[in-house]
């Protein structure tokens, strides 16, 4: 699958790196940060994404990074299902 890329800015560093992008905050272990400067791109593999119904808040894990969006297309590819999700800022990661 194709990686989902989100441009952001390094907000904090240490044991946990925090990246700010489009009013959101993404946290990850610092050993996963290979960017030398303040401008970074967060890459997320499709198999690491879980789609939840935002209307059912009881199923949303509170400790995970999250992006809200609208599912615009669903395609069954034979071995998996591909979801196209449009974010509030117009990106379809």
PDB file of N, CA and C in Angstrom:
ATOM      1  N   UNK A   1       0.801  -1.197   0.000  1.00  0.00           N
ATOM      2  CA  UNK A   1       0.000   0.000   0.000  1.00  0.00           C
ATOM      3  C   UNK A   1       0.837   1.251   0.000  1.00  0.00           C
ATOM      4  N   UNK A   2       0.182   2.336  -0.202  1.00  0.00           N
ATOM      5  CA  UNK A   2       0.804   3.644  -0.287  1.00  0.00           C
ATOM      6  C   UNK A   2       0.789   4.310   1.080  1.00  0.00           C
ATOM      7  N   UNK A   3       1.922   4.909   1.492  1.00  0.00           N
ATOM      8  CA  UNK A   3       1.976   5.620   2.773  1.00  0.00           C
ATOM      9  C   UNK A   3       1.138   6.879   2.724  1.00  0.00           C
ATOM     10  N   UNK A   4       0.589   7.242   3.861  1.00  0.00           N
ATOM     11  CA  UNK A   4      -0.166   8.474   4.022  1.00  0.00           C
ATOM     12  C   UNK A   4       0.791   9.503   4.598  1.00  0.00           C
ATOM     13  N   UNK A   5       0.951  10.642   3.928  1.00  0.00           N
ATOM     14  CA  UNK A   5       1.932  11.648   4.324  1.00  0.00           C
ATOM     15  C   UNK A   5       1.234  12.931   4.744  1.00  0.00           C
ATOM     16  N   UNK A   6       1.664  13.469   5.897  1.00  0.00           N
ATOM     17  CA  UNK A   6       1.094  14.703   6.436  1.00  0.00           C
ATOM     18  C   UNK A   6       2.237  15.635   6.793  1.00  0.00           C
ATOM     19  N   UNK A   7       2.260  16.827   6.202  1.00  0.00           N
ATOM     20  CA  UNK A   7       3.307  17.801   6.496  1.00  0.00           C
ATOM     21  C   UNK A   7       2.992  18.503   7.800  1.00  0.00           C
ATOM     22  N   UNK A   8       4.048  18.690   8.617  1.00  0.00           N
ATOM     23  CA  UNK A   8       3.862  19.347   9.897  1.00  0.00           C
ATOM     24  C   UNK A   8       5.126  20.009  10.377  1.00  0.00           C
ATOM     25  N   UNK A   9       5.090  20.451  11.616  1.00  0.00           N
ATOM     26  CA  UNK A   9       6.213  21.137  12.248  1.00  0.00           C
ATOM     27  C   UNK A   9       6.534  20.448  13.561  1.00  0.00           C
ATOM     28  N   UNK A  10       7.807  20.221  13.800  1.00  0.00           N
ATOM     29  CA  UNK A  10       8.247  19.614  15.058  1.00  0.00           C
ATOM     30  C   UNK A  10       7.905  20.563  16.192  1.00  0.00           C
ATOM     31  N   UNK A  11       7.060  20.126  17.114  1.00  0.00           N
ATOM     32  CA  UNK A  11       6.611  20.974  18.215  1.00  0.00           C
ATOM     33  C   UNK A  11       7.430  20.737  19.476  1.00  0.00           C
ATOM     34  N   UNK A  12       7.706  19.484  19.795  1.00  0.00           N
ATOM     35  CA  UNK A  12       8.529  19.156  20.955  1.00  0.00           C
ATOM     36  C   UNK A  12       9.383  17.948  20.612  1.00  0.00           C
ATOM     37  N   UNK A  13      10.430  17.770  21.385  1.00  0.00           N
ATOM     38  CA  UNK A  13      11.255  16.577  21.217  1.00  0.00           C
ATOM     39  C   UNK A  13      11.620  16.053  22.594  1.00  0.00           C
ATOM     40  N   UNK A  14      12.305  14.953  22.624  1.00  0.00           N
ATOM     41  CA  UNK A  14      12.631  14.239  23.855  1.00  0.00           C
ATOM     42  C   UNK A  14      12.393  12.775  23.604  1.00  0.00           C
ATOM     43  N   UNK A  15      11.908  12.046  24.606  1.00  0.00           N
ATOM     44  CA  UNK A  15      11.591  10.636  24.412  1.00  0.00           C
ATOM     45  C   UNK A  15      10.414  10.453  23.460  1.00  0.00           C
ATOM     46  N   UNK A  16       9.518  11.449  23.456  1.00  0.00           N
ATOM     47  CA  UNK A  16       8.362  11.448  22.563  1.00  0.00           C
ATOM     48  C   UNK A  16       8.432  12.700  21.709  1.00  0.00           C
ATOM     49  N   UNK A  17       8.307  12.527  20.405  1.00  0.00           N
ATOM     50  CA  UNK A  17       8.304  13.642  19.465  1.00  0.00           C
ATOM     51  C   UNK A  17       6.853  14.024  19.205  1.00  0.00           C
ATOM     52  N   UNK A  18       6.586  15.320  19.232  1.00  0.00           N
ATOM     53  CA  UNK A  18       5.250  15.812  18.929  1.00  0.00           C
ATOM     54  C   UNK A  18       5.320  16.677  17.679  1.00  0.00           C
ATOM     55  N   UNK A  19       4.452  16.371  16.721  1.00  0.00           N
ATOM     56  CA  UNK A  19       4.402  17.108  15.459  1.00  0.00           C
ATOM     57  C   UNK A  19       3.049  17.803  15.370  1.00  0.00           C
ATOM     58  N   UNK A  20       3.070  19.108  15.069  1.00  0.00           N
ATOM     59  CA  UNK A  20       1.842  19.881  14.886  1.00  0.00           C
ATOM     60  C   UNK A  20       1.536  19.985  13.405  1.00  0.00           C
ATOM     61  N   UNK A  21       0.281  19.689  13.049  1.00  0.00           N
ATOM     62  CA  UNK A  21      -0.142  19.775  11.651  1.00  0.00           C
ATOM     63  C   UNK A  21      -1.647  20.036  11.591  1.00  0.00           C
ATOM     64  N   UNK A  22      -2.044  21.098  10.918  1.00  0.00           N
ATOM     65  CA  UNK A  22      -3.450  21.404  10.681  1.00  0.00           C
ATOM     66  C   UNK A  22      -4.268  21.460  11.972  1.00  0.00           C
ATOM     67  N   UNK A  23      -3.675  22.005  13.023  1.00  0.00           N
ATOM     68  CA  UNK A  23      -4.373  22.127  14.295  1.00  0.00           C
ATOM     69  C   UNK A  23      -4.415  20.846  15.115  1.00  0.00           C
ATOM     70  N   UNK A  24      -3.741  19.813  14.647  1.00  0.00           N
ATOM     71  CA  UNK A  24      -3.689  18.534  15.349  1.00  0.00           C
ATOM     72  C   UNK A  24      -2.296  18.300  15.897  1.00  0.00           C
ATOM     73  N   UNK A  25      -2.185  17.365  16.813  1.00  0.00           N
ATOM     74  CA  UNK A  25      -0.903  16.985  17.384  1.00  0.00           C
ATOM     75  C   UNK A  25      -0.719  15.481  17.223  1.00  0.00           C
ATOM     76  N   UNK A  26       0.436  15.098  16.678  1.00  0.00           N
ATOM     77  CA  UNK A  26       0.750  13.681  16.493  1.00  0.00           C
ATOM     78  C   UNK A  26       1.963  13.354  17.351  1.00  0.00           C
ATOM     79  N   UNK A  27       1.874  12.307  18.143  1.00  0.00           N
ATOM     80  CA  UNK A  27       2.977  11.907  19.029  1.00  0.00           C
ATOM     81  C   UNK A  27       3.521  10.556  18.591  1.00  0.00           C
ATOM     82  N   UNK A  28       4.859  10.438  18.662  1.00  0.00           N
ATOM     83  CA  UNK A  28       5.506   9.182  18.304  1.00  0.00           C
ATOM     84  C   UNK A  28       6.823   9.065  19.063  1.00  0.00           C
ATOM     85  N   UNK A  29       7.340   7.865  19.222  1.00  0.00           N
ATOM     86  CA  UNK A  29       8.637   7.691  19.887  1.00  0.00           C
ATOM     87  C   UNK A  29       9.731   8.439  19.130  1.00  0.00           C
ATOM     88  N   UNK A  30      10.653   9.051  19.857  1.00  0.00           N
ATOM     89  CA  UNK A  30      11.692   9.866  19.225  1.00  0.00           C
ATOM     90  C   UNK A  30      12.582   9.061  18.291  1.00  0.00           C
ATOM     91  N   UNK A  31      12.764   7.761  18.532  1.00  0.00           N
ATOM     92  CA  UNK A  31      13.613   6.958  17.651  1.00  0.00           C
ATOM     93  C   UNK A  31      13.021   6.806  16.256  1.00  0.00           C
ATOM     94  N   UNK A  32      11.741   7.165  16.062  1.00  0.00           N
ATOM     95  CA  UNK A  32      11.123   7.118  14.736  1.00  0.00           C
ATOM     96  C   UNK A  32      11.285   8.435  13.985  1.00  0.00           C
ATOM     97  N   UNK A  33      11.865   9.435  14.624  1.00  0.00           N
ATOM     98  CA  UNK A  33      12.060  10.738  13.995  1.00  0.00           C
ATOM     99  C   UNK A  33      13.434  10.772  13.335  1.00  0.00           C
ATOM    100  N   UNK A  34      13.447  10.926  12.022  1.00  0.00           N
ATOM    101  CA  UNK A  34      14.725  11.008  11.303  1.00  0.00           C
ATOM    102  C   UNK A  34      14.888  12.371  10.634  1.00  0.00           C
ATOM    103  N   UNK A  35      13.969  13.297  10.906  1.00  0.00           N
ATOM    104  CA  UNK A  35      14.016  14.628  10.297  1.00  0.00           C
ATOM    105  C   UNK A  35      15.031  15.503  11.034  1.00  0.00           C
ATOM    106  N   UNK A  36      15.921  16.171  10.305  1.00  0.00           N
ATOM    107  CA  UNK A  36      16.937  16.997  10.948  1.00  0.00           C
ATOM    108  C   UNK A  36      16.444  18.379  11.352  1.00  0.00           C
ATOM    109  N   UNK A  37      15.323  18.870  10.816  1.00  0.00           N
ATOM    110  CA  UNK A  37      14.886  20.237  11.089  1.00  0.00           C
ATOM    111  C   UNK A  37      13.515  20.315  11.715  1.00  0.00           C
ATOM    112  N   UNK A  38      12.939  21.520  11.669  1.00  0.00           N
ATOM    113  CA  UNK A  38      11.628  21.765  12.270  1.00  0.00           C
ATOM    114  C   UNK A  38      10.481  21.332  11.348  1.00  0.00           C
ATOM    115  N   UNK A  39      10.669  21.403  10.035  1.00  0.00           N
ATOM    116  CA  UNK A  39       9.635  21.010   9.087  1.00  0.00           C
ATOM    117  C   UNK A  39       9.752  19.508   8.836  1.00  0.00           C
ATOM    118  N   UNK A  40       8.680  18.770   9.092  1.00  0.00           N
ATOM    119  CA  UNK A  40       8.731  17.311   8.990  1.00  0.00           C
ATOM    120  C   UNK A  40       7.527  16.786   8.223  1.00  0.00           C
ATOM    121  N   UNK A  41       7.626  15.557   7.790  1.00  0.00           N
ATOM    122  CA  UNK A  41       6.519  14.852   7.155  1.00  0.00           C
ATOM    123  C   UNK A  41       6.270  13.591   7.975  1.00  0.00           C
ATOM    124  N   UNK A  42       5.045  13.420   8.424  1.00  0.00           N
ATOM    125  CA  UNK A  42       4.648  12.224   9.166  1.00  0.00           C
ATOM    126  C   UNK A  42       4.139  11.215   8.147  1.00  0.00           C
ATOM    127  N   UNK A  43       4.711  10.024   8.154  1.00  0.00           N
ATOM    128  CA  UNK A  43       4.280   8.961   7.255  1.00  0.00           C
ATOM    129  C   UNK A  43       3.601   7.860   8.037  1.00  0.00           C
ATOM    130  N   UNK A  44       2.435   7.462   7.570  1.00  0.00           N
ATOM    131  CA  UNK A  44       1.678   6.407   8.253  1.00  0.00           C
ATOM    132  C   UNK A  44       1.335   5.330   7.225  1.00  0.00           C
ATOM    133  N   UNK A  45       1.741   4.110   7.502  1.00  0.00           N
ATOM    134  CA  UNK A  45       1.439   2.985   6.619  1.00  0.00           C
ATOM    135  C   UNK A  45      -0.055   2.648   6.721  1.00  0.00           C
ATOM    136  N   UNK A  46      -0.686   2.286   5.614  1.00  0.00           N
ATOM    137  CA  UNK A  46      -2.129   1.999   5.618  1.00  0.00           C
ATOM    138  C   UNK A  46      -2.528   0.889   6.589  1.00  0.00           C
ATOM    139  N   UNK A  47      -1.668  -0.107   6.755  1.00  0.00           N
ATOM    140  CA  UNK A  47      -2.013  -1.222   7.650  1.00  0.00           C
ATOM    141  C   UNK A  47      -1.984  -0.825   9.123  1.00  0.00           C
ATOM    142  N   UNK A  48      -1.494   0.375   9.435  1.00  0.00           N
ATOM    143  CA  UNK A  48      -1.456   0.867  10.813  1.00  0.00           C
ATOM    144  C   UNK A  48      -2.654   1.754  11.138  1.00  0.00           C
ATOM    145  N   UNK A  49      -3.566   1.923  10.175  1.00  0.00           N
ATOM    146  CA  UNK A  49      -4.730   2.795  10.356  1.00  0.00           C
ATOM    147  C   UNK A  49      -5.964   1.954  10.635  1.00  0.00           C
ATOM    148  N   UNK A  50      -6.756   2.404  11.578  1.00  0.00           N
ATOM    149  CA  UNK A  50      -8.039   1.784  11.883  1.00  0.00           C
ATOM    150  C   UNK A  50      -9.118   2.829  11.677  1.00  0.00           C
ATOM    151  N   UNK A  51     -10.186   2.474  10.973  1.00  0.00           N
ATOM    152  CA  UNK A  51     -11.290   3.393  10.732  1.00  0.00           C
ATOM    153  C   UNK A  51     -12.362   3.130  11.780  1.00  0.00           C
ATOM    154  N   UNK A  52     -12.765   4.201  12.473  1.00  0.00           N
ATOM    155  CA  UNK A  52     -13.823   4.125  13.480  1.00  0.00           C
ATOM    156  C   UNK A  52     -14.958   5.054  13.087  1.00  0.00           C
ATOM    157  N   UNK A  53     -16.142   4.767  13.575  1.00  0.00           N
ATOM    158  CA  UNK A  53     -17.276   5.665  13.412  1.00  0.00           C
ATOM    159  C   UNK A  53     -17.143   6.757  14.472  1.00  0.00           C
ATOM    160  N   UNK A  54     -16.929   7.987  14.049  1.00  0.00           N
ATOM    161  CA  UNK A  54     -16.719   9.102  14.984  1.00  0.00           C
ATOM    162  C   UNK A  54     -17.953   9.378  15.829  1.00  0.00           C
ATOM    163  N   UNK A  55     -19.111   8.893  15.394  1.00  0.00           N
ATOM    164  CA  UNK A  55     -20.336   9.104  16.163  1.00  0.00           C
ATOM    165  C   UNK A  55     -20.418   8.175  17.364  1.00  0.00           C
ATOM    166  N   UNK A  56     -19.555   7.151  17.404  1.00  0.00           N
ATOM    167  CA  UNK A  56     -19.527   6.211  18.532  1.00  0.00           C
ATOM    168  C   UNK A  56     -18.221   6.420  19.291  1.00  0.00           C
ATOM    169  N   UNK A  57     -18.156   7.479  20.088  1.00  0.00           N
ATOM    170  CA  UNK A  57     -16.949   7.852  20.821  1.00  0.00           C
ATOM    171  C   UNK A  57     -16.465   6.766  21.781  1.00  0.00           C
ATOM    172  N   UNK A  58     -17.337   5.825  22.174  1.00  0.00           N
ATOM    173  CA  UNK A  58     -16.947   4.800  23.137  1.00  0.00           C
ATOM    174  C   UNK A  58     -15.905   3.849  22.569  1.00  0.00           C
ATOM    175  N   UNK A  59     -15.799   3.750  21.249  1.00  0.00           N
ATOM    176  CA  UNK A  59     -14.850   2.822  20.633  1.00  0.00           C
ATOM    177  C   UNK A  59     -13.534   3.481  20.238  1.00  0.00           C
ATOM    178  N   UNK A  60     -13.419   4.806  20.390  1.00  0.00           N
ATOM    179  CA  UNK A  60     -12.204   5.506  19.990  1.00  0.00           C
ATOM    180  C   UNK A  60     -11.144   5.405  21.077  1.00  0.00           C
ATOM    181  N   UNK A  61      -9.967   4.831  20.769  1.00  0.00           N
ATOM    182  CA  UNK A  61      -8.895   4.752  21.767  1.00  0.00           C
ATOM    183  C   UNK A  61      -8.376   6.151  22.078  1.00  0.00           C
ATOM    184  N   UNK A  62      -8.288   6.501  23.346  1.00  0.00           N
ATOM    185  CA  UNK A  62      -7.890   7.863  23.722  1.00  0.00           C
ATOM    186  C   UNK A  62      -6.387   8.093  23.586  1.00  0.00           C
ATOM    187  N   UNK A  63      -5.593   7.052  23.548  1.00  0.00           N
ATOM    188  CA  UNK A  63      -4.136   7.214  23.524  1.00  0.00           C
ATOM    189  C   UNK A  63      -3.538   7.204  22.122  1.00  0.00           C
ATOM    190  N   UNK A  64      -4.331   7.006  21.107  1.00  0.00           N
ATOM    191  CA  UNK A  64      -3.821   6.920  19.744  1.00  0.00           C
ATOM    192  C   UNK A  64      -3.927   8.265  19.028  1.00  0.00           C
ATOM    193  N   UNK A  65      -3.015   8.487  18.069  1.00  0.00           N
ATOM    194  CA  UNK A  65      -3.144   9.635  17.188  1.00  0.00           C
ATOM    195  C   UNK A  65      -4.401   9.446  16.360  1.00  0.00           C
ATOM    196  N   UNK A  66      -5.089  10.546  16.035  1.00  0.00           N
ATOM    197  CA  UNK A  66      -6.311  10.405  15.254  1.00  0.00           C
ATOM    198  C   UNK A  66      -6.513  11.590  14.329  1.00  0.00           C
ATOM    199  N   UNK A  67      -7.197  11.302  13.235  1.00  0.00           N
ATOM    200  CA  UNK A  67      -7.608  12.307  12.269  1.00  0.00           C
ATOM    201  C   UNK A  67      -9.079  12.047  11.983  1.00  0.00           C
ATOM    202  N   UNK A  68      -9.870  13.102  12.044  1.00  0.00           N
ATOM    203  CA  UNK A  68     -11.271  12.979  11.673  1.00  0.00           C
ATOM    204  C   UNK A  68     -11.408  13.317  10.200  1.00  0.00           C
ATOM    205  N   UNK A  69     -12.318  12.657   9.522  1.00  0.00           N
ATOM    206  CA  UNK A  69     -12.541  12.922   8.112  1.00  0.00           C
ATOM    207  C   UNK A  69     -13.818  12.262   7.645  1.00  0.00           C
ATOM    208  N   UNK A  70     -14.054  12.380   6.355  1.00  0.00           N
ATOM    209  CA  UNK A  70     -15.245  11.821   5.737  1.00  0.00           C
ATOM    210  C   UNK A  70     -14.831  10.765   4.726  1.00  0.00           C
ATOM    211  N   UNK A  71     -15.383   9.567   4.873  1.00  0.00           N
ATOM    212  CA  UNK A  71     -15.104   8.501   3.916  1.00  0.00           C
ATOM    213  C   UNK A  71     -15.795   8.868   2.609  1.00  0.00           C
ATOM    214  N   UNK A  72     -14.988   9.009   1.530  1.00  0.00           N
ATOM    215  CA  UNK A  72     -15.542   9.397   0.233  1.00  0.00           C
ATOM    216  C   UNK A  72     -15.595   8.235  -0.758  1.00  0.00           C
ATOM    217  N   UNK A  73     -14.861   7.159  -0.462  1.00  0.00           N
ATOM    218  CA  UNK A  73     -14.882   6.004  -1.366  1.00  0.00           C
ATOM    219  C   UNK A  73     -14.409   4.770  -0.604  1.00  0.00           C
ATOM    220  N   UNK A  74     -14.994   3.635  -0.906  1.00  0.00           N
ATOM    221  CA  UNK A  74     -14.592   2.351  -0.339  1.00  0.00           C
ATOM    222  C   UNK A  74     -14.414   1.377  -1.494  1.00  0.00           C
ATOM    223  N   UNK A  75     -13.221   0.753  -1.563  1.00  0.00           N
ATOM    224  CA  UNK A  75     -12.933  -0.188  -2.649  1.00  0.00           C
ATOM    225  C   UNK A  75     -12.396  -1.491  -2.076  1.00  0.00           C
ATOM    226  N   UNK A  76     -13.051  -2.576  -2.396  1.00  0.00           N
ATOM    227  CA  UNK A  76     -12.560  -3.896  -2.017  1.00  0.00           C
ATOM    228  C   UNK A  76     -11.535  -4.312  -3.051  1.00  0.00           C
ATOM    229  N   UNK A  77     -10.290  -4.614  -2.612  1.00  0.00           N
ATOM    230  CA  UNK A  77      -9.209  -4.918  -3.548  1.00  0.00           C
ATOM    231  C   UNK A  77      -8.868  -6.399  -3.613  1.00  0.00           C
ATOM    232  N   UNK A  78      -9.665  -7.240  -3.015  1.00  0.00           N
ATOM    233  CA  UNK A  78      -9.423  -8.681  -3.069  1.00  0.00           C
ATOM    234  C   UNK A  78      -8.830  -9.213  -1.783  1.00  0.00           C
ATOM    235  N   UNK A  79      -7.800  -8.564  -1.256  1.00  0.00           N
ATOM    236  CA  UNK A  79      -7.191  -9.007   0.002  1.00  0.00           C
ATOM    237  C   UNK A  79      -7.432  -8.002   1.127  1.00  0.00           C
ATOM    238  N   UNK A  80      -7.902  -6.812   0.772  1.00  0.00           N
ATOM    239  CA  UNK A  80      -8.164  -5.783   1.774  1.00  0.00           C
ATOM    240  C   UNK A  80      -9.203  -4.809   1.229  1.00  0.00           C
ATOM    241  N   UNK A  81      -9.575  -3.877   2.070  1.00  0.00           N
ATOM    242  CA  UNK A  81     -10.499  -2.821   1.667  1.00  0.00           C
ATOM    243  C   UNK A  81      -9.784  -1.495   1.773  1.00  0.00           C
ATOM    244  N   UNK A  82      -9.863  -0.699   0.714  1.00  0.00           N
ATOM    245  CA  UNK A  82      -9.214   0.606   0.698  1.00  0.00           C
ATOM    246  C   UNK A  82     -10.276   1.677   0.944  1.00  0.00           C
ATOM    247  N   UNK A  83      -9.999   2.557   1.916  1.00  0.00           N
ATOM    248  CA  UNK A  83     -10.896   3.663   2.228  1.00  0.00           C
ATOM    249  C   UNK A  83     -10.224   4.957   1.785  1.00  0.00           C
ATOM    250  N   UNK A  84     -10.949   5.806   1.098  1.00  0.00           N
ATOM    251  CA  UNK A  84     -10.468   7.135   0.765  1.00  0.00           C
ATOM    252  C   UNK A  84     -11.186   8.082   1.721  1.00  0.00           C
ATOM    253  N   UNK A  85     -10.404   8.787   2.531  1.00  0.00           N
ATOM    254  CA  UNK A  85     -10.960   9.658   3.562  1.00  0.00           C
ATOM    255  C   UNK A  85     -10.490  11.076   3.306  1.00  0.00           C
ATOM    256  N   UNK A  86     -11.427  12.016   3.203  1.00  0.00           N
ATOM    257  CA  UNK A  86     -11.065  13.417   3.020  1.00  0.00           C
ATOM    258  C   UNK A  86     -11.008  14.096   4.381  1.00  0.00           C
ATOM    259  N   UNK A  87      -9.873  14.762   4.634  1.00  0.00           N
ATOM    260  CA  UNK A  87      -9.672  15.455   5.910  1.00  0.00           C
ATOM    261  C   UNK A  87     -10.321  16.845   5.851  1.00  0.00           C
ATOM    262  N   UNK A  88     -10.518  17.487   7.007  1.00  0.00           N
ATOM    263  CA  UNK A  88     -11.100  18.836   7.013  1.00  0.00           C
ATOM    264  C   UNK A  88     -10.280  19.858   6.224  1.00  0.00           C
ATOM    265  N   UNK A  89      -8.962  19.627   6.053  1.00  0.00           N
ATOM    266  CA  UNK A  89      -8.136  20.560   5.304  1.00  0.00           C
ATOM    267  C   UNK A  89      -8.038  20.189   3.826  1.00  0.00           C
ATOM    268  N   UNK A  90      -8.818  19.201   3.383  1.00  0.00           N
ATOM    269  CA  UNK A  90      -8.934  18.888   1.971  1.00  0.00           C
ATOM    270  C   UNK A  90      -8.003  17.824   1.449  1.00  0.00           C
ATOM    271  N   UNK A  91      -7.185  17.243   2.298  1.00  0.00           N
ATOM    272  CA  UNK A  91      -6.265  16.189   1.873  1.00  0.00           C
ATOM    273  C   UNK A  91      -6.959  14.838   1.938  1.00  0.00           C
ATOM    274  N   UNK A  92      -6.631  13.962   1.019  1.00  0.00           N
ATOM    275  CA  UNK A  92      -7.140  12.589   1.058  1.00  0.00           C
ATOM    276  C   UNK A  92      -5.968  11.655   1.262  1.00  0.00           C
ATOM    277  N   UNK A  93      -5.468  11.526   2.538  1.00  0.00           N
ATOM    278  CA  UNK A  93      -4.304  10.657   2.789  1.00  0.00           C
ATOM    279  C   UNK A  93      -4.629   9.195   2.565  1.00  0.00           C
TER     280      UNK A  93
END
